[in-house]
Protein backbone atom coordinates (compact mmCIF):
# COMPACT_ATOMS: atom_id res chain seq x y z
CA MET A 1 -5.17 4.53 -8.13
CA GLY A 2 -7.30 7.01 -5.53
CA LEU A 3 -5.07 6.38 -2.57
CA VAL A 4 -3.34 9.16 0.15
CA LEU A 5 -0.74 7.81 1.40
CA ASP A 6 1.70 9.49 4.67
CA GLU A 7 4.45 8.13 6.72
CA ASP A 8 4.76 8.09 10.67
CA LYS A 9 8.01 8.79 12.38
CA ASN A 10 9.77 5.48 11.63
CA GLY A 11 9.02 5.78 7.94
CA ASN A 12 6.38 3.47 7.00
CA VAL A 13 4.26 4.69 4.81
CA PHE A 14 0.23 3.86 5.50
CA VAL A 15 -2.93 5.09 3.59
CA THR A 16 -4.50 7.65 5.23
CA SER A 17 -7.81 7.99 2.79
CA ILE A 18 -9.33 6.37 -0.27
CA ASP A 19 -10.67 8.17 -3.30
CA ALA A 20 -14.20 7.57 -3.73
CA ASN A 21 -14.86 5.85 -7.23
CA ARG A 22 -11.14 5.42 -7.84
CA ARG A 23 -9.12 1.88 -8.39
CA ALA A 24 -8.27 1.65 -4.80
CA GLU A 25 -12.13 1.81 -4.10
CA LYS A 26 -13.60 -0.38 -6.24
CA SER A 27 -10.73 -3.33 -5.71
CA GLY A 28 -12.73 -3.61 -1.83
CA LYS A 29 -9.25 -4.85 -0.94
CA VAL A 30 -7.40 -1.17 0.01
CA PHE A 31 -8.68 0.77 3.61
CA VAL A 32 -7.27 3.36 5.22
CA GLY A 33 -4.73 2.16 8.11
CA ASP A 34 -3.23 -0.64 5.61
CA GLN A 35 0.71 0.12 5.44
CA VAL A 36 2.16 -0.24 2.57
CA MET A 37 4.89 -3.51 2.84
CA MET A 38 6.25 -3.83 -0.87
CA VAL A 39 5.98 -2.32 -4.32
CA SER A 40 7.05 -3.80 -7.26
CA ALA A 41 11.02 -2.91 -8.73
CA THR A 42 10.98 -0.12 -11.16
CA PHE A 43 13.13 -3.08 -13.52
CA GLY A 44 12.48 -6.71 -13.78
CA ASP A 45 10.41 -8.74 -11.35
CA ASP A 46 11.10 -8.07 -7.92
CA LEU A 47 9.53 -6.63 -5.37
CA TRP A 48 11.23 -4.09 -3.34
CA SER A 49 10.55 -3.98 0.64
CA CYS A 50 9.03 -0.32 2.06
CA GLU A 51 9.16 -0.93 5.51
CA GLY A 52 10.19 2.07 7.17
CA VAL A 53 12.08 3.40 3.96
CA GLY A 54 9.90 6.54 3.96
CA LEU A 55 7.10 8.78 1.75
CA THR A 56 9.38 9.73 -0.72
CA ARG A 57 11.12 6.45 -1.91
CA VAL A 58 7.67 5.19 -1.86
CA LEU A 59 6.24 7.45 -3.96
CA SER A 60 9.32 7.24 -6.46
CA CYS A 61 8.83 3.38 -6.57
CA ILE A 62 5.07 3.87 -7.63
CA THR A 63 5.79 7.02 -10.21
CA LEU A 64 8.69 4.89 -11.86
CA SER A 65 7.35 1.67 -11.93
CA PRO A 66 6.84 0.48 -15.89
CA LEU A 67 3.85 -1.04 -17.05
CA LYS A 68 2.88 -3.38 -14.28
CA LEU A 69 2.60 -1.79 -10.54
CA ILE A 70 2.18 -4.34 -7.61
CA ILE A 71 1.55 -3.22 -4.55
CA CYS A 72 2.06 -5.32 -1.37
CA MET A 73 -0.42 -3.87 1.86
CA LYS A 74 -0.34 -5.21 5.59
CA CYS A 75 -4.01 -4.52 6.13
CA SER A 76 -5.29 -2.70 9.63
CA THR A 77 -7.65 -4.54 11.59
CA VAL A 78 -9.34 -0.80 12.10
CA ASN A 79 -12.42 -0.11 10.91
CA ARG A 80 -12.90 -3.69 9.00
CA LEU A 81 -14.48 -7.01 10.82
CA GLU A 82 -11.74 -9.62 10.82
CA ILE A 83 -12.19 -13.54 10.33
CA PRO A 84 -9.94 -15.35 12.44
CA SER A 85 -8.60 -17.72 10.18
CA GLN A 86 -7.52 -14.88 7.39
CA SER A 87 -3.84 -13.56 7.48
CA ASN A 88 -3.52 -9.82 7.92
CA TRP A 89 -2.32 -9.39 3.99
CA CYS A 90 -4.21 -8.05 1.53
């Protein structure tokens, strides 16, 4: 994927860096400072909330996700232009 993640003192997980020429950078939709909000479940079609669960649990969900990985991010407004009418979700 090309993301480096870390957590804050509340267990929220954020993107701390993005590797050049990897999937995350090429998508143009993920930025440093974005918060991981939800990850696809390890079974079924559900999304699991990642708010406050910590880095270890988020990485476990990402690693164990079988075929299709979905990560929902809350976009940071740091280092990017925002259009007022846009949502803060990527």
